[in-house]
C-alpha atoms as a PDB file:
ATOM      1  CA  UNK A   1      66.784  -4.481  17.363  1.00  0.00           C
ATOM      2  CA  UNK A   2      64.102  -5.543  19.816  1.00  0.00           C
ATOM      3  CA  UNK A   3      62.515  -2.103  19.347  1.00  0.00           C
ATOM      4  CA  UNK A   4      61.839  -3.172  15.747  1.00  0.00           C
ATOM      5  CA  UNK A   5      60.949  -6.851  16.196  1.00  0.00           C
ATOM      6  CA  UNK A   6      59.798  -8.995  19.096  1.00  0.00           C
ATOM      7  CA  UNK A   7      62.319 -11.135  20.951  1.00  0.00           C
ATOM      8  CA  UNK A   8      60.603 -14.416  20.099  1.00  0.00           C
ATOM      9  CA  UNK A   9      62.331 -17.517  21.356  1.00  0.00           C
ATOM     10  CA  UNK A  10      65.835 -16.057  21.093  1.00  0.00           C
ATOM     11  CA  UNK A  11      65.409 -13.730  24.037  1.00  0.00           C
ATOM     12  CA  UNK A  12      62.280 -14.427  26.035  1.00  0.00           C
ATOM     13  CA  UNK A  13      61.697 -11.065  27.668  1.00  0.00           C
ATOM     14  CA  UNK A  14      58.543  -9.251  26.719  1.00  0.00           C
ATOM     15  CA  UNK A  15      59.286  -6.461  29.214  1.00  0.00           C
ATOM     16  CA  UNK A  16      62.689  -5.803  27.613  1.00  0.00           C
ATOM     17  CA  UNK A  17      61.202  -5.659  24.100  1.00  0.00           C
ATOM     18  CA  UNK A  18      58.398  -3.412  25.370  1.00  0.00           C
ATOM     19  CA  UNK A  19      60.923  -0.932  26.756  1.00  0.00           C
ATOM     20  CA  UNK A  20      62.792  -0.868  23.446  1.00  0.00           C
ATOM     21  CA  UNK A  21      59.559  -0.299  21.503  1.00  0.00           C
ATOM     22  CA  UNK A  22      58.873   2.588  23.914  1.00  0.00           C
ATOM     23  CA  UNK A  23      62.219   4.152  22.975  1.00  0.00           C
ATOM     24  CA  UNK A  24      61.192   4.039  19.320  1.00  0.00           C
ATOM     25  CA  UNK A  25      57.826   5.600  20.230  1.00  0.00           C
ATOM     26  CA  UNK A  26      59.584   8.429  22.057  1.00  0.00           C
ATOM     27  CA  UNK A  27      61.968   8.887  19.130  1.00  0.00           C
ATOM     28  CA  UNK A  28      59.135   9.251  16.657  1.00  0.00           C
ATOM     29  CA  UNK A  29      56.877  11.205  18.998  1.00  0.00           C
ATOM     30  CA  UNK A  30      59.432  13.900  19.810  1.00  0.00           C
ATOM     31  CA  UNK A  31      61.099  14.074  16.397  1.00  0.00           C
ATOM     32  CA  UNK A  32      58.688  16.473  14.694  1.00  0.00           C
ATOM     33  CA  UNK A  33      58.300  19.140  17.395  1.00  0.00           C
ATOM     34  CA  UNK A  34      62.028  19.226  18.097  1.00  0.00           C
ATOM     35  CA  UNK A  35      63.206  19.239  14.474  1.00  0.00           C
ATOM     36  CA  UNK A  36      61.327  22.518  14.056  1.00  0.00           C
ATOM     37  CA  UNK A  37      63.728  23.876  16.698  1.00  0.00           C
ATOM     38  CA  UNK A  38      66.781  22.529  14.875  1.00  0.00           C
ATOM     39  CA  UNK A  39      67.146  19.386  17.016  1.00  0.00           C
ATOM     40  CA  UNK A  40      67.102  16.069  15.170  1.00  0.00           C
ATOM     41  CA  UNK A  41      66.043  13.025  17.168  1.00  0.00           C
ATOM     42  CA  UNK A  42      66.944   9.559  15.910  1.00  0.00           C
ATOM     43  CA  UNK A  43      67.809   6.259  17.574  1.00  0.00           C
ATOM     44  CA  UNK A  44      70.400   3.542  17.169  1.00  0.00           C
ATOM     45  CA  UNK A  45      68.931   0.015  17.066  1.00  0.00           C
ATOM     46  CA  UNK A  46      71.909  -2.254  17.657  1.00  0.00           C
ATOM     47  CA  UNK A  47      71.920  -6.001  17.407  1.00  0.00           C
ATOM     48  CA  UNK A  48      74.028  -8.239  19.590  1.00  0.00           C
ATOM     49  CA  UNK A  49      77.295  -6.481  20.443  1.00  0.00           C
ATOM     50  CA  UNK A  50      80.440  -8.290  21.580  1.00  0.00           C
ATOM     51  CA  UNK A  51      80.966  -6.311  24.772  1.00  0.00           C
ATOM     52  CA  UNK A  52      82.916  -7.776  27.684  1.00  0.00           C
ATOM     53  CA  UNK A  53      79.635  -8.014  29.644  1.00  0.00           C
ATOM     54  CA  UNK A  54      77.852  -9.812  26.790  1.00  0.00           C
ATOM     55  CA  UNK A  55      80.669 -12.320  26.417  1.00  0.00           C
ATOM     56  CA  UNK A  56      80.928 -12.875  30.194  1.00  0.00           C
ATOM     57  CA  UNK A  57      77.159 -13.325  30.607  1.00  0.00           C
ATOM     58  CA  UNK A  58      76.670 -15.606  27.604  1.00  0.00           C
ATOM     59  CA  UNK A  59      77.795 -18.553  29.703  1.00  0.00           C
ATOM     60  CA  UNK A  60      79.481 -20.629  27.030  1.00  0.00           C
ATOM     61  CA  UNK A  61      80.936 -20.715  23.559  1.00  0.00           C
ATOM     62  CA  UNK A  62      77.798 -22.579  22.457  1.00  0.00           C
ATOM     63  CA  UNK A  63      75.629 -19.590  23.394  1.00  0.00           C
ATOM     64  CA  UNK A  64      77.937 -17.194  21.545  1.00  0.00           C
ATOM     65  CA  UNK A  65      77.818 -19.494  18.506  1.00  0.00           C
ATOM     66  CA  UNK A  66      74.002 -19.566  18.663  1.00  0.00           C
ATOM     67  CA  UNK A  67      73.785 -15.767  18.896  1.00  0.00           C
ATOM     68  CA  UNK A  68      76.244 -15.397  16.005  1.00  0.00           C
ATOM     69  CA  UNK A  69      74.092 -17.728  13.927  1.00  0.00           C
ATOM     70  CA  UNK A  70      71.105 -15.394  14.280  1.00  0.00           C
ATOM     71  CA  UNK A  71      72.686 -12.688  12.115  1.00  0.00           C
ATOM     72  CA  UNK A  72      73.236 -12.718   8.378  1.00  0.00           C
ATOM     73  CA  UNK A  73      76.880 -11.747   8.955  1.00  0.00           C
ATOM     74  CA  UNK A  74      77.352 -14.658  11.368  1.00  0.00           C
ATOM     75  CA  UNK A  75      78.838 -12.609  14.198  1.00  0.00           C
ATOM     76  CA  UNK A  76      78.109  -9.996  16.813  1.00  0.00           C
ATOM     77  CA  UNK A  77      78.917  -6.343  16.190  1.00  0.00           C
ATOM     78  CA  UNK A  78      82.140  -4.862  17.443  1.00  0.00           C
ATOM     79  CA  UNK A  79      81.627  -1.964  19.846  1.00  0.00           C
ATOM     80  CA  UNK A  80      83.386   0.300  17.333  1.00  0.00           C
ATOM     81  CA  UNK A  81      80.788  -0.520  14.672  1.00  0.00           C
ATOM     82  CA  UNK A  82      78.018   0.798  16.910  1.00  0.00           C
ATOM     83  CA  UNK A  83      80.148   3.861  17.706  1.00  0.00           C
ATOM     84  CA  UNK A  84      80.526   4.479  13.959  1.00  0.00           C
ATOM     85  CA  UNK A  85      76.744   4.594  13.579  1.00  0.00           C
ATOM     86  CA  UNK A  86      76.546   7.155  16.393  1.00  0.00           C
ATOM     87  CA  UNK A  87      79.171   9.274  14.656  1.00  0.00           C
ATOM     88  CA  UNK A  88      77.113   9.051  11.441  1.00  0.00           C
ATOM     89  CA  UNK A  89      73.932  10.246  13.164  1.00  0.00           C
ATOM     90  CA  UNK A  90      75.886  13.040  14.845  1.00  0.00           C
ATOM     91  CA  UNK A  91      77.355  14.229  11.557  1.00  0.00           C
ATOM     92  CA  UNK A  92      76.006  16.373   8.714  1.00  0.00           C
ATOM     93  CA  UNK A  93      75.809  13.182   6.616  1.00  0.00           C
ATOM     94  CA  UNK A  94      72.521  12.359   8.371  1.00  0.00           C
ATOM     95  CA  UNK A  95      71.124  15.896   8.199  1.00  0.00           C
ATOM     96  CA  UNK A  96      67.890  14.753   6.504  1.00  0.00           C
ATOM     97  CA  UNK A  97      67.125  11.966   9.014  1.00  0.00           C
ATOM     98  CA  UNK A  98      64.465  12.691  11.615  1.00  0.00           C
ATOM     99  CA  UNK A  99      62.560  10.279  13.846  1.00  0.00           C
ATOM    100  CA  UNK A 100      64.260   7.156  12.536  1.00  0.00           C
ATOM    101  CA  UNK A 101      65.787   4.078  14.072  1.00  0.00           C
ATOM    102  CA  UNK A 102      69.116   3.251  12.452  1.00  0.00           C
ATOM    103  CA  UNK A 103      69.262  -0.535  12.519  1.00  0.00           C
ATOM    104  CA  UNK A 104      72.814  -1.838  13.018  1.00  0.00           C
ATOM    105  CA  UNK A 105      72.228  -5.536  13.608  1.00  0.00           C
ATOM    106  CA  UNK A 106      74.244  -7.512  11.063  1.00  0.00           C
ATOM    107  CA  UNK A 107      71.079  -8.521   9.236  1.00  0.00           C
ATOM    108  CA  UNK A 108      69.192  -9.961  12.225  1.00  0.00           C
ATOM    109  CA  UNK A 109      65.950  -8.117  11.410  1.00  0.00           C
ATOM    110  CA  UNK A 110      66.341  -8.712   7.661  1.00  0.00           C
ATOM    111  CA  UNK A 111      65.930 -12.461   7.992  1.00  0.00           C
END
């Protein structure tokens, strides 16, 4: 999601957000030449995901609660929900998508 929006005060890391914006630039920049060869390039833009590492590094239940409060759905994504979006982009159902970032962030960037 930080390839779509800046981290602001939630996650104060300009370098991290810059790297994610670069991924979106690469996605868009390579999409057109490669789609003409039958290769579709898209990106997944996940929000906060409840991975074991994320939970372990959050430091406290208060931090998890704060992160959950940043999304419209009031929770982090399950790892399987991000996997489902990858399956979608890998399937024929997304055959007309090229050079896009699929935002899977529980409404974080919609607020």
